[in-house]
Amino acid sequence: MKNSYVLLFIIALMLGSCDVPASKEAYLEKYEAFVAKVEKSFDEFNEKDWEKAAKEYEKFAGEWYNKFKDELTTKENIRLATLQVRYNACRALDKTASGLKQLFESIDVNKIKKQIQYYIENDMDADLEKLMDEAKKAGSEAEKAVKKILDDLDVDTKEIKKKSNEINI
C-alpha cells in the first residue's frame, strides 16, 4: 500500500513536470498540488523520490516562479512563501527521521544490556555504599553548619527543639 502511494506520486511528478503552467493561476494550483502530494507521502520517500521531488520543486521555486513573478500579488507571494516553508519542512522532517533511524540502528542494545548487568552484579553495591556514606557526611556537615549559624545568631536551639516537638515536626 505504501509503495502504491510513492509510485502514484512519482507518476504524478513525471506527468506534472512535462507541462509548463500556461498561466499564473495554473502555476499556483500546480505548486499547491505538488506540495500537498509531498506532505501526504514524504515519510515513505527514498532518496530517489526526494531527488525527483527536488527537481520538481526547483522548477516551481526557480524557473516557473521567474516566469510569473512580475504578475504575482503580495498575497500570492505570501502563498508561495508558505508553500516553500511547507515543502522544506517535509524535507527537514525526513532528514531528521533518517538521522534518528541511523542512530538507533547503530546502537547495540545487547552490548548495553550486558554492561548494565555487569555493573549491577559487580560494582553497584559498592557505589551505593559510597553514596550512602557521602549522604551521611553531607547530612552531618549540614547539621553542624546549621548549629553554627544558630549559635552565631544567638538562637536558643533547646527552645527550637521544644517548639518542634510541640507541633510534631
Protein backbone atom coordinates (compact mmCIF):
# COMPACT_ATOMS: atom_id res chain seq x y z
CA MET A 1 0.00 0.00 0.00
CA LYS A 2 2.76 2.43 0.93
CA ASN A 3 4.63 1.67 -2.28
CA SER A 4 1.44 2.44 -4.24
CA TYR A 5 1.38 5.98 -2.86
CA VAL A 6 5.01 6.51 -3.70
CA LEU A 7 4.51 5.12 -7.20
CA LEU A 8 1.47 7.34 -7.73
CA PHE A 9 3.44 10.32 -6.50
CA ILE A 10 6.31 9.61 -8.87
CA ILE A 11 3.94 9.18 -11.81
CA ALA A 12 2.19 12.42 -10.90
CA LEU A 13 5.54 14.18 -10.71
CA MET A 14 6.58 12.89 -14.11
CA LEU A 15 3.28 13.83 -15.71
CA GLY A 16 3.19 17.17 -13.98
CA SER A 17 6.73 18.04 -14.93
CA CYS A 18 6.04 17.69 -18.63
CA ASP A 19 3.75 20.65 -18.98
CA VAL A 20 4.82 24.14 -18.08
CA PRO A 21 1.97 26.07 -16.47
CA ALA A 22 0.33 28.31 -19.04
CA SER A 23 -0.85 30.90 -16.53
CA LYS A 24 -0.07 32.28 -13.11
CA GLU A 25 -3.21 30.60 -11.75
CA ALA A 26 -2.19 27.23 -13.20
CA TYR A 27 1.29 27.70 -11.70
CA LEU A 28 -0.13 28.40 -8.24
CA GLU A 29 -2.55 25.46 -8.44
CA LYS A 30 0.16 23.03 -9.61
CA TYR A 31 2.56 24.23 -6.92
CA GLU A 32 -0.11 23.79 -4.25
CA ALA A 33 -0.93 20.28 -5.53
CA PHE A 34 2.76 19.34 -5.63
CA VAL A 35 3.35 20.40 -2.02
CA ALA A 36 0.16 18.65 -0.88
CA LYS A 37 1.38 15.40 -2.51
CA VAL A 38 4.78 15.73 -0.82
CA GLU A 39 3.13 16.34 2.55
CA LYS A 40 0.89 13.31 2.10
CA SER A 41 3.62 10.77 1.35
CA PHE A 42 7.07 12.19 2.20
CA ASP A 43 7.52 9.80 5.10
CA GLU A 44 7.62 6.95 2.57
CA PHE A 45 10.15 8.61 0.23
CA ASN A 46 13.52 7.10 -0.51
CA GLU A 47 16.47 9.12 -1.79
CA LYS A 48 15.42 8.77 -5.45
CA ASP A 49 11.94 10.04 -4.61
CA TRP A 50 13.49 13.07 -2.93
CA GLU A 51 15.74 13.71 -5.92
CA LYS A 52 12.71 13.76 -8.24
CA ALA A 53 10.76 15.95 -5.84
CA ALA A 54 13.72 18.34 -5.56
CA LYS A 55 13.90 18.73 -9.34
CA GLU A 56 10.20 19.49 -9.47
CA TYR A 57 10.50 21.90 -6.55
CA GLU A 58 13.35 23.71 -8.31
CA LYS A 59 11.05 24.32 -11.28
CA PHE A 60 8.36 25.78 -9.04
CA ALA A 61 10.73 27.87 -6.92
CA GLY A 62 13.04 28.86 -9.77
CA GLU A 63 12.19 28.61 -13.46
CA TRP A 64 8.39 28.84 -13.20
CA TYR A 65 8.50 31.44 -10.44
CA ASN A 66 10.68 33.65 -12.63
CA LYS A 67 8.18 33.26 -15.48
CA PHE A 68 5.29 34.60 -13.35
CA LYS A 69 6.95 36.74 -10.65
CA ASP A 70 6.01 40.07 -12.27
CA GLU A 71 2.33 39.06 -12.25
CA LEU A 72 2.18 37.95 -8.61
CA THR A 73 0.36 39.97 -5.98
CA THR A 74 1.61 40.35 -2.43
CA LYS A 75 -0.98 37.83 -1.28
CA GLU A 76 0.22 35.32 -3.89
CA ASN A 77 3.85 35.86 -2.90
CA ILE A 78 2.89 35.08 0.70
CA ARG A 79 1.11 31.95 -0.54
CA LEU A 80 4.30 30.92 -2.39
CA ALA A 81 6.44 31.54 0.68
CA THR A 82 4.08 29.34 2.66
CA LEU A 83 4.41 26.57 0.06
CA GLN A 84 8.20 26.81 0.25
CA VAL A 85 8.09 26.52 4.04
CA ARG A 86 5.74 23.53 3.86
CA TYR A 87 7.91 21.69 1.33
CA ASN A 88 11.14 22.41 3.21
CA ALA A 89 9.54 21.36 6.50
CA CYS A 90 8.76 17.94 4.98
CA ARG A 91 12.32 17.62 3.73
CA ALA A 92 13.74 18.61 7.12
CA LEU A 93 11.46 16.18 8.95
CA ASP A 94 12.53 13.39 6.63
CA LYS A 95 16.22 14.15 7.16
CA THR A 96 15.74 14.26 10.93
CA ALA A 97 13.83 10.97 10.92
CA SER A 98 16.52 9.35 8.77
CA GLY A 99 19.27 10.55 11.10
CA LEU A 100 17.47 9.25 14.17
CA LYS A 101 16.80 5.93 12.48
CA GLN A 102 20.51 5.55 11.65
CA LEU A 103 21.45 6.48 15.20
CA PHE A 104 19.13 3.91 16.73
CA GLU A 105 20.23 1.24 14.25
CA SER A 106 23.84 1.83 15.27
CA ILE A 107 23.15 1.27 18.98
CA ASP A 108 24.00 -2.25 20.16
CA VAL A 109 21.26 -2.84 22.73
CA ASN A 110 22.58 -6.27 23.73
CA LYS A 111 26.01 -4.82 24.47
CA ILE A 112 24.47 -2.11 26.64
CA LYS A 113 22.34 -4.70 28.47
CA LYS A 114 25.46 -6.77 29.19
CA GLN A 115 27.29 -3.71 30.50
CA ILE A 116 24.41 -2.81 32.79
CA GLN A 117 24.14 -6.38 34.04
CA TYR A 118 27.90 -6.47 34.74
CA TYR A 119 27.64 -3.19 36.66
CA ILE A 120 24.71 -4.45 38.73
CA GLU A 121 26.50 -7.69 39.57
CA ASN A 122 29.96 -6.24 40.26
CA ASP A 123 30.05 -2.54 41.13
CA MET A 124 26.62 -1.25 42.06
CA ASP A 125 26.61 -2.31 45.73
CA ALA A 126 29.96 -0.63 46.40
CA ASP A 127 28.80 2.54 44.64
CA LEU A 128 25.57 2.60 46.65
CA GLU A 129 27.53 2.23 49.89
CA LYS A 130 29.79 5.13 48.89
CA LEU A 131 26.74 7.19 48.04
CA MET A 132 25.15 6.48 51.42
CA ASP A 133 28.38 7.35 53.25
CA GLU A 134 28.65 10.62 51.36
CA ALA A 135 25.00 11.42 52.09
CA LYS A 136 25.58 10.79 55.82
CA LYS A 137 28.67 13.02 55.75
CA ALA A 138 26.77 15.73 53.92
CA GLY A 139 23.92 15.49 56.42
CA SER A 140 26.33 15.69 59.35
CA GLU A 141 28.12 18.68 57.82
CA ALA A 142 24.80 20.40 57.13
CA GLU A 143 23.71 19.83 60.74
CA LYS A 144 26.98 21.33 62.02
CA ALA A 145 26.59 24.33 59.69
CA VAL A 146 23.03 24.98 60.85
CA LYS A 147 24.06 24.72 64.52
CA LYS A 148 26.93 27.18 63.91
CA ILE A 149 24.61 29.65 62.20
CA LEU A 150 22.09 29.41 65.02
CA ASP A 151 24.86 29.84 67.62
CA ASP A 152 26.22 32.85 65.73
CA LEU A 153 22.73 34.34 65.70
CA ASP A 154 22.46 33.56 69.40
CA VAL A 155 19.38 31.39 68.90
CA ASP A 156 18.41 29.01 71.68
CA THR A 157 18.35 25.59 70.00
CA LYS A 158 16.71 23.99 73.02
CA GLU A 159 13.74 26.31 72.56
CA ILE A 160 13.50 25.34 68.85
CA LYS A 161 13.56 21.62 69.73
CA LYS A 162 10.85 22.19 72.34
CA LYS A 163 8.63 24.08 69.85
CA SER A 164 9.18 21.47 67.10
CA ASN A 165 8.18 18.67 69.49
CA GLU A 166 5.03 20.58 70.43
CA ILE A 167 3.94 20.78 66.78
CA ASN A 168 5.18 17.28 65.96
CA ILE A 169 7.93 18.11 63.46
